[in-house]
Amino acid sequence: MLAKLEAEETANDELRRTNPEAYRRKVESMLPENSCCLCRQRFRGYGNNPWPVLQDGKACEECNVSIVLTARVQAARNAMKDQ
């Protein structure tokens, strides 16, 4: 078992060194596939917490940057005004 893991690590190191794009695709293919709770697009990865826009689900990186983070900043500003 350990020998198999060491061989895989060696192969991955070689792939990363000789073909970084192929290595990136290999690693990305191992990530879970999700659907964005905001735009409904499929993406690979763990996603982002969509709060305060939605309470549940996973947001893709694009929606996280353009929608969720903007809403968080606005919520923080509103909270500061209320104090």
PDB file of N, CA and C in Angstrom:
ATOM      1  N   MET A   1       0.837  -1.197   0.000  1.00  0.00           N
ATOM      2  CA  MET A   1       0.000   0.000   0.000  1.00  0.00           C
ATOM      3  C   MET A   1       0.873   1.249   0.000  1.00  0.00           C
ATOM      4  N   LEU A   2       1.868   1.313   0.884  1.00  0.00           N
ATOM      5  CA  LEU A   2       2.753   2.466   0.963  1.00  0.00           C
ATOM      6  C   LEU A   2       3.549   2.629  -0.331  1.00  0.00           C
ATOM      7  N   ALA A   3       4.003   1.524  -0.892  1.00  0.00           N
ATOM      8  CA  ALA A   3       4.767   1.587  -2.140  1.00  0.00           C
ATOM      9  C   ALA A   3       3.913   2.159  -3.266  1.00  0.00           C
ATOM     10  N   LYS A   4       2.634   1.806  -3.288  1.00  0.00           N
ATOM     11  CA  LYS A   4       1.717   2.325  -4.311  1.00  0.00           C
ATOM     12  C   LYS A   4       1.548   3.842  -4.161  1.00  0.00           C
ATOM     13  N   LEU A   5       1.397   4.316  -2.922  1.00  0.00           N
ATOM     14  CA  LEU A   5       1.258   5.751  -2.672  1.00  0.00           C
ATOM     15  C   LEU A   5       2.526   6.509  -3.053  1.00  0.00           C
ATOM     16  N   GLU A   6       3.678   5.928  -2.731  1.00  0.00           N
ATOM     17  CA  GLU A   6       4.949   6.566  -3.077  1.00  0.00           C
ATOM     18  C   GLU A   6       5.129   6.633  -4.594  1.00  0.00           C
ATOM     19  N   ALA A   7       4.727   5.578  -5.292  1.00  0.00           N
ATOM     20  CA  ALA A   7       4.830   5.568  -6.752  1.00  0.00           C
ATOM     21  C   ALA A   7       3.898   6.617  -7.363  1.00  0.00           C
ATOM     22  N   GLU A   8       2.702   6.744  -6.815  1.00  0.00           N
ATOM     23  CA  GLU A   8       1.761   7.752  -7.311  1.00  0.00           C
ATOM     24  C   GLU A   8       2.293   9.160  -7.057  1.00  0.00           C
ATOM     25  N   GLU A   9       2.882   9.376  -5.887  1.00  0.00           N
ATOM     26  CA  GLU A   9       3.459  10.681  -5.569  1.00  0.00           C
ATOM     27  C   GLU A   9       4.589  11.023  -6.538  1.00  0.00           C
ATOM     28  N   THR A  10       5.426  10.045  -6.825  1.00  0.00           N
ATOM     29  CA  THR A  10       6.526  10.251  -7.767  1.00  0.00           C
ATOM     30  C   THR A  10       5.991  10.577  -9.154  1.00  0.00           C
ATOM     31  N   ALA A  11       4.966   9.847  -9.589  1.00  0.00           N
ATOM     32  CA  ALA A  11       4.361  10.098 -10.899  1.00  0.00           C
ATOM     33  C   ALA A  11       3.723  11.485 -10.942  1.00  0.00           C
ATOM     34  N   ASN A  12       3.048  11.880  -9.876  1.00  0.00           N
ATOM     35  CA  ASN A  12       2.435  13.208  -9.829  1.00  0.00           C
ATOM     36  C   ASN A  12       3.493  14.310  -9.848  1.00  0.00           C
ATOM     37  N   ASP A  13       4.574  14.116  -9.115  1.00  0.00           N
ATOM     38  CA  ASP A  13       5.664  15.096  -9.118  1.00  0.00           C
ATOM     39  C   ASP A  13       6.250  15.249 -10.525  1.00  0.00           C
ATOM     40  N   GLU A  14       6.432  14.125 -11.206  1.00  0.00           N
ATOM     41  CA  GLU A  14       6.965  14.148 -12.573  1.00  0.00           C
ATOM     42  C   GLU A  14       5.992  14.859 -13.516  1.00  0.00           C
ATOM     43  N   LEU A  15       4.707  14.557 -13.403  1.00  0.00           N
ATOM     44  CA  LEU A  15       3.701  15.196 -14.250  1.00  0.00           C
ATOM     45  C   LEU A  15       3.648  16.699 -13.983  1.00  0.00           C
ATOM     46  N   ARG A  16       3.682  17.085 -12.716  1.00  0.00           N
ATOM     47  CA  ARG A  16       3.653  18.507 -12.358  1.00  0.00           C
ATOM     48  C   ARG A  16       4.866  19.238 -12.947  1.00  0.00           C
ATOM     49  N   ARG A  17       6.000  18.575 -12.934  1.00  0.00           N
ATOM     50  CA  ARG A  17       7.225  19.182 -13.446  1.00  0.00           C
ATOM     51  C   ARG A  17       7.242  19.266 -14.970  1.00  0.00           C
ATOM     52  N   THR A  18       6.792  18.206 -15.644  1.00  0.00           N
ATOM     53  CA  THR A  18       6.904  18.130 -17.097  1.00  0.00           C
ATOM     54  C   THR A  18       5.692  18.676 -17.841  1.00  0.00           C
ATOM     55  N   ASN A  19       4.501  18.603 -17.211  1.00  0.00           N
ATOM     56  CA  ASN A  19       3.291  19.067 -17.889  1.00  0.00           C
ATOM     57  C   ASN A  19       2.328  19.656 -16.858  1.00  0.00           C
ATOM     58  N   PRO A  20       2.587  20.888 -16.424  1.00  0.00           N
ATOM     59  CA  PRO A  20       1.767  21.489 -15.364  1.00  0.00           C
ATOM     60  C   PRO A  20       0.277  21.555 -15.692  1.00  0.00           C
ATOM     61  N   GLU A  21      -0.065  21.777 -16.948  1.00  0.00           N
ATOM     62  CA  GLU A  21      -1.480  21.852 -17.330  1.00  0.00           C
ATOM     63  C   GLU A  21      -2.170  20.497 -17.166  1.00  0.00           C
ATOM     64  N   ALA A  22      -1.510  19.426 -17.549  1.00  0.00           N
ATOM     65  CA  ALA A  22      -2.079  18.081 -17.379  1.00  0.00           C
ATOM     66  C   ALA A  22      -2.217  17.759 -15.894  1.00  0.00           C
ATOM     67  N   TYR A  23      -1.248  18.182 -15.100  1.00  0.00           N
ATOM     68  CA  TYR A  23      -1.330  17.965 -13.653  1.00  0.00           C
ATOM     69  C   TYR A  23      -2.525  18.724 -13.072  1.00  0.00           C
ATOM     70  N   ARG A  24      -2.715  19.983 -13.494  1.00  0.00           N
ATOM     71  CA  ARG A  24      -3.836  20.786 -13.012  1.00  0.00           C
ATOM     72  C   ARG A  24      -5.160  20.110 -13.364  1.00  0.00           C
ATOM     73  N   ARG A  25      -5.288  19.621 -14.591  1.00  0.00           N
ATOM     74  CA  ARG A  25      -6.517  18.932 -15.008  1.00  0.00           C
ATOM     75  C   ARG A  25      -6.754  17.664 -14.195  1.00  0.00           C
ATOM     76  N   LYS A  26      -5.685  16.927 -13.898  1.00  0.00           N
ATOM     77  CA  LYS A  26      -5.814  15.702 -13.110  1.00  0.00           C
ATOM     78  C   LYS A  26      -6.322  16.015 -11.710  1.00  0.00           C
ATOM     79  N   VAL A  27      -5.713  17.003 -11.073  1.00  0.00           N
ATOM     80  CA  VAL A  27      -6.118  17.378  -9.723  1.00  0.00           C
ATOM     81  C   VAL A  27      -7.553  17.902  -9.736  1.00  0.00           C
ATOM     82  N   GLU A  28      -7.878  18.744 -10.710  1.00  0.00           N
ATOM     83  CA  GLU A  28      -9.232  19.305 -10.801  1.00  0.00           C
ATOM     84  C   GLU A  28     -10.278  18.213 -11.002  1.00  0.00           C
ATOM     85  N   SER A  29      -9.934  17.163 -11.738  1.00  0.00           N
ATOM     86  CA  SER A  29     -10.896  16.082 -11.993  1.00  0.00           C
ATOM     87  C   SER A  29     -11.242  15.310 -10.722  1.00  0.00           C
ATOM     88  N   MET A  30     -10.402  15.429  -9.698  1.00  0.00           N
ATOM     89  CA  MET A  30     -10.656  14.732  -8.439  1.00  0.00           C
ATOM     90  C   MET A  30     -11.556  15.534  -7.498  1.00  0.00           C
ATOM     91  N   LEU A  31     -11.804  16.801  -7.829  1.00  0.00           N
ATOM     92  CA  LEU A  31     -12.652  17.643  -6.987  1.00  0.00           C
ATOM     93  C   LEU A  31     -14.126  17.299  -7.204  1.00  0.00           C
ATOM     94  N   PRO A  32     -14.967  17.512  -6.203  1.00  0.00           N
ATOM     95  CA  PRO A  32     -16.390  17.225  -6.369  1.00  0.00           C
ATOM     96  C   PRO A  32     -17.031  18.185  -7.368  1.00  0.00           C
ATOM     97  N   GLU A  33     -18.070  17.713  -8.040  1.00  0.00           N
ATOM     98  CA  GLU A  33     -18.814  18.557  -8.971  1.00  0.00           C
ATOM     99  C   GLU A  33     -20.037  19.104  -8.239  1.00  0.00           C
ATOM    100  N   ASN A  34     -20.272  20.399  -8.364  1.00  0.00           N
ATOM    101  CA  ASN A  34     -21.388  21.062  -7.702  1.00  0.00           C
ATOM    102  C   ASN A  34     -22.147  21.915  -8.697  1.00  0.00           C
ATOM    103  N   SER A  35     -23.295  22.391  -8.267  1.00  0.00           N
ATOM    104  CA  SER A  35     -24.092  23.334  -9.044  1.00  0.00           C
ATOM    105  C   SER A  35     -24.245  24.588  -8.196  1.00  0.00           C
ATOM    106  N   CYS A  36     -23.972  25.743  -8.780  1.00  0.00           N
ATOM    107  CA  CYS A  36     -24.066  27.003  -8.062  1.00  0.00           C
ATOM    108  C   CYS A  36     -25.521  27.278  -7.701  1.00  0.00           C
ATOM    109  N   CYS A  37     -25.753  27.631  -6.451  1.00  0.00           N
ATOM    110  CA  CYS A  37     -27.106  27.910  -5.983  1.00  0.00           C
ATOM    111  C   CYS A  37     -27.623  29.255  -6.489  1.00  0.00           C
ATOM    112  N   LEU A  38     -26.768  30.061  -7.072  1.00  0.00           N
ATOM    113  CA  LEU A  38     -27.174  31.372  -7.573  1.00  0.00           C
ATOM    114  C   LEU A  38     -27.373  31.378  -9.088  1.00  0.00           C
ATOM    115  N   CYS A  39     -26.372  30.932  -9.835  1.00  0.00           N
ATOM    116  CA  CYS A  39     -26.473  30.963 -11.310  1.00  0.00           C
ATOM    117  C   CYS A  39     -26.800  29.601 -11.922  1.00  0.00           C
ATOM    118  N   ARG A  40     -26.777  28.551 -11.107  1.00  0.00           N
ATOM    119  CA  ARG A  40     -27.086  27.176 -11.528  1.00  0.00           C
ATOM    120  C   ARG A  40     -26.037  26.543 -12.437  1.00  0.00           C
ATOM    121  N   GLN A  41     -24.912  27.202 -12.662  1.00  0.00           N
ATOM    122  CA  GLN A  41     -23.849  26.627 -13.479  1.00  0.00           C
ATOM    123  C   GLN A  41     -23.151  25.515 -12.700  1.00  0.00           C
ATOM    124  N   ARG A  42     -22.694  24.495 -13.416  1.00  0.00           N
ATOM    125  CA  ARG A  42     -21.941  23.408 -12.795  1.00  0.00           C
ATOM    126  C   ARG A  42     -20.490  23.862 -12.647  1.00  0.00           C
ATOM    127  N   PHE A  43     -19.846  23.452 -11.558  1.00  0.00           N
ATOM    128  CA  PHE A  43     -18.438  23.758 -11.347  1.00  0.00           C
ATOM    129  C   PHE A  43     -17.804  22.641 -10.544  1.00  0.00           C
ATOM    130  N   ARG A  44     -16.490  22.559 -10.642  1.00  0.00           N
ATOM    131  CA  ARG A  44     -15.736  21.599  -9.844  1.00  0.00           C
ATOM    132  C   ARG A  44     -15.102  22.338  -8.684  1.00  0.00           C
ATOM    133  N   GLY A  45     -15.171  21.730  -7.520  1.00  0.00           N
ATOM    134  CA  GLY A  45     -14.595  22.316  -6.328  1.00  0.00           C
ATOM    135  C   GLY A  45     -15.591  22.254  -5.189  1.00  0.00           C
ATOM    136  N   TYR A  46     -15.219  22.850  -4.078  1.00  0.00           N
ATOM    137  CA  TYR A  46     -16.051  22.778  -2.886  1.00  0.00           C
ATOM    138  C   TYR A  46     -17.036  23.934  -2.799  1.00  0.00           C
ATOM    139  N   GLY A  47     -16.833  24.984  -3.560  1.00  0.00           N
ATOM    140  CA  GLY A  47     -17.756  26.101  -3.586  1.00  0.00           C
ATOM    141  C   GLY A  47     -17.592  27.019  -2.390  1.00  0.00           C
ATOM    142  N   ASN A  48     -18.431  28.037  -2.369  1.00  0.00           N
ATOM    143  CA  ASN A  48     -18.375  29.073  -1.349  1.00  0.00           C
ATOM    144  C   ASN A  48     -19.715  29.191  -0.642  1.00  0.00           C
ATOM    145  N   ASN A  49     -19.677  29.605   0.613  1.00  0.00           N
ATOM    146  CA  ASN A  49     -20.880  29.836   1.393  1.00  0.00           C
ATOM    147  C   ASN A  49     -21.627  31.030   0.791  1.00  0.00           C
ATOM    148  N   PRO A  50     -22.903  30.892   0.426  1.00  0.00           N
ATOM    149  CA  PRO A  50     -23.618  31.988  -0.223  1.00  0.00           C
ATOM    150  C   PRO A  50     -24.236  33.007   0.726  1.00  0.00           C
ATOM    151  N   TRP A  51     -24.035  32.868   2.040  1.00  0.00           N
ATOM    152  CA  TRP A  51     -24.595  33.821   2.986  1.00  0.00           C
ATOM    153  C   TRP A  51     -23.973  35.192   2.770  1.00  0.00           C
ATOM    154  N   PRO A  52     -24.709  36.266   2.766  1.00  0.00           N
ATOM    155  CA  PRO A  52     -26.089  36.489   3.209  1.00  0.00           C
ATOM    156  C   PRO A  52     -27.124  36.451   2.090  1.00  0.00           C
ATOM    157  N   VAL A  53     -26.709  36.101   0.884  1.00  0.00           N
ATOM    158  CA  VAL A  53     -27.657  36.059  -0.234  1.00  0.00           C
ATOM    159  C   VAL A  53     -28.621  34.896  -0.063  1.00  0.00           C
ATOM    160  N   LEU A  54     -28.093  33.712   0.236  1.00  0.00           N
ATOM    161  CA  LEU A  54     -28.892  32.517   0.508  1.00  0.00           C
ATOM    162  C   LEU A  54     -28.327  31.838   1.755  1.00  0.00           C
ATOM    163  N   GLN A  55     -29.143  31.042   2.390  1.00  0.00           N
ATOM    164  CA  GLN A  55     -28.701  30.342   3.597  1.00  0.00           C
ATOM    165  C   GLN A  55     -28.054  28.992   3.283  1.00  0.00           C
ATOM    166  N   ASP A  56     -28.475  28.354   2.202  1.00  0.00           N
ATOM    167  CA  ASP A  56     -27.992  27.011   1.871  1.00  0.00           C
ATOM    168  C   ASP A  56     -27.416  26.975   0.470  1.00  0.00           C
ATOM    169  N   GLY A  57     -26.608  25.967   0.230  1.00  0.00           N
ATOM    170  CA  GLY A  57     -26.060  25.741  -1.096  1.00  0.00           C
ATOM    171  C   GLY A  57     -24.595  26.112  -1.178  1.00  0.00           C
ATOM    172  N   LYS A  58     -24.087  26.053  -2.390  1.00  0.00           N
ATOM    173  CA  LYS A  58     -22.694  26.393  -2.682  1.00  0.00           C
ATOM    174  C   LYS A  58     -22.685  27.363  -3.853  1.00  0.00           C
ATOM    175  N   ALA A  59     -21.931  28.439  -3.713  1.00  0.00           N
ATOM    176  CA  ALA A  59     -21.808  29.423  -4.784  1.00  0.00           C
ATOM    177  C   ALA A  59     -20.500  29.200  -5.537  1.00  0.00           C
ATOM    178  N   CYS A  60     -20.549  29.370  -6.854  1.00  0.00           N
ATOM    179  CA  CYS A  60     -19.331  29.271  -7.657  1.00  0.00           C
ATOM    180  C   CYS A  60     -18.449  30.483  -7.367  1.00  0.00           C
ATOM    181  N   GLU A  61     -17.228  30.445  -7.822  1.00  0.00           N
ATOM    182  CA  GLU A  61     -16.287  31.529  -7.549  1.00  0.00           C
ATOM    183  C   GLU A  61     -16.753  32.848  -8.157  1.00  0.00           C
ATOM    184  N   GLU A  62     -17.297  32.803  -9.375  1.00  0.00           N
ATOM    185  CA  GLU A  62     -17.748  34.023 -10.024  1.00  0.00           C
ATOM    186  C   GLU A  62     -18.876  34.695  -9.249  1.00  0.00           C
ATOM    187  N   CYS A  63     -19.864  33.915  -8.823  1.00  0.00           N
ATOM    188  CA  CYS A  63     -20.974  34.474  -8.037  1.00  0.00           C
ATOM    189  C   CYS A  63     -20.502  34.913  -6.662  1.00  0.00           C
ATOM    190  N   ASN A  64     -19.561  34.196  -6.090  1.00  0.00           N
ATOM    191  CA  ASN A  64     -19.029  34.586  -4.797  1.00  0.00           C
ATOM    192  C   ASN A  64     -18.413  35.982  -4.879  1.00  0.00           C
ATOM    193  N   VAL A  65     -17.616  36.222  -5.914  1.00  0.00           N
ATOM    194  CA  VAL A  65     -16.942  37.515  -6.058  1.00  0.00           C
ATOM    195  C   VAL A  65     -17.937  38.618  -6.424  1.00  0.00           C
ATOM    196  N   SER A  66     -18.810  38.349  -7.377  1.00  0.00           N
ATOM    197  CA  SER A  66     -19.666  39.420  -7.889  1.00  0.00           C
ATOM    198  C   SER A  66     -20.940  39.658  -7.080  1.00  0.00           C
ATOM    199  N   ILE A  67     -21.443  38.642  -6.376  1.00  0.00           N
ATOM    200  CA  ILE A  67     -22.722  38.790  -5.666  1.00  0.00           C
ATOM    201  C   ILE A  67     -22.548  38.671  -4.161  1.00  0.00           C
ATOM    202  N   VAL A  68     -21.972  37.576  -3.702  1.00  0.00           N
ATOM    203  CA  VAL A  68     -21.925  37.275  -2.271  1.00  0.00           C
ATOM    204  C   VAL A  68     -21.029  38.255  -1.510  1.00  0.00           C
ATOM    205  N   LEU A  69     -19.817  38.473  -1.993  1.00  0.00           N
ATOM    206  CA  LEU A  69     -18.915  39.367  -1.270  1.00  0.00           C
ATOM    207  C   LEU A  69     -19.459  40.791  -1.231  1.00  0.00           C
ATOM    208  N   THR A  70     -20.081  41.221  -2.313  1.00  0.00           N
ATOM    209  CA  THR A  70     -20.712  42.544  -2.337  1.00  0.00           C
ATOM    210  C   THR A  70     -21.800  42.639  -1.274  1.00  0.00           C
ATOM    211  N   ALA A  71     -22.617  41.597  -1.172  1.00  0.00           N
ATOM    212  CA  ALA A  71     -23.684  41.583  -0.163  1.00  0.00           C
ATOM    213  C   ALA A  71     -23.112  41.570   1.250  1.00  0.00           C
ATOM    214  N   ARG A  72     -22.012  40.880   1.454  1.00  0.00           N
ATOM    215  CA  ARG A  72     -21.393  40.851   2.787  1.00  0.00           C
ATOM    216  C   ARG A  72     -20.853  42.222   3.181  1.00  0.00           C
ATOM    217  N   VAL A  73     -20.228  42.899   2.228  1.00  0.00           N
ATOM    218  CA  VAL A  73     -19.719  44.238   2.512  1.00  0.00           C
ATOM    219  C   VAL A  73     -20.881  45.163   2.848  1.00  0.00           C
ATOM    220  N   GLN A  74     -21.956  45.075   2.077  1.00  0.00           N
ATOM    221  CA  GLN A  74     -23.122  45.918   2.351  1.00  0.00           C
ATOM    222  C   GLN A  74     -23.732  45.599   3.712  1.00  0.00           C
ATOM    223  N   ALA A  75     -23.807  44.332   4.063  1.00  0.00           N
ATOM    224  CA  ALA A  75     -24.342  43.937   5.370  1.00  0.00           C
ATOM    225  C   ALA A  75     -23.464  44.488   6.498  1.00  0.00           C
ATOM    226  N   ALA A  76     -22.161  44.464   6.307  1.00  0.00           N
ATOM    227  CA  ALA A  76     -21.250  45.003   7.318  1.00  0.00           C
ATOM    228  C   ALA A  76     -21.425  46.506   7.450  1.00  0.00           C
ATOM    229  N   ARG A  77     -21.574  47.195   6.324  1.00  0.00           N
ATOM    230  CA  ARG A  77     -21.806  48.642   6.361  1.00  0.00           C
ATOM    231  C   ARG A  77     -23.110  48.962   7.087  1.00  0.00           C
ATOM    232  N   ASN A  78     -24.163  48.210   6.778  1.00  0.00           N
ATOM    233  CA  ASN A  78     -25.447  48.428   7.433  1.00  0.00           C
ATOM    234  C   ASN A  78     -25.350  48.186   8.934  1.00  0.00           C
ATOM    235  N   ALA A  79     -24.605  47.152   9.321  1.00  0.00           N
ATOM    236  CA  ALA A  79     -24.441  46.845  10.746  1.00  0.00           C
ATOM    237  C   ALA A  79     -23.703  47.974  11.458  1.00  0.00           C
ATOM    238  N   MET A  80     -22.740  48.573  10.792  1.00  0.00           N
ATOM    239  CA  MET A  80     -22.001  49.679  11.385  1.00  0.00           C
ATOM    240  C   MET A  80     -22.887  50.909  11.554  1.00  0.00           C
ATOM    241  N   LYS A  81     -23.775  51.150  10.601  1.00  0.00           N
ATOM    242  CA  LYS A  81     -24.699  52.283  10.673  1.00  0.00           C
ATOM    243  C   LYS A  81     -25.683  52.107  11.836  1.00  0.00           C
ATOM    244  N   ASP A  82     -26.066  50.863  12.092  1.00  0.00           N
ATOM    245  CA  ASP A  82     -27.064  50.580  13.134  1.00  0.00           C
ATOM    246  C   ASP A  82     -26.490  50.700  14.544  1.00  0.00           C
ATOM    247  N   GLN A  83     -25.197  50.781  14.673  1.00  0.00           N
ATOM    248  CA  GLN A  83     -24.589  50.839  16.018  1.00  0.00           C
ATOM    249  C   GLN A  83     -24.634  52.224  16.589  1.00  0.00           C
TER     250      GLN A  83
END
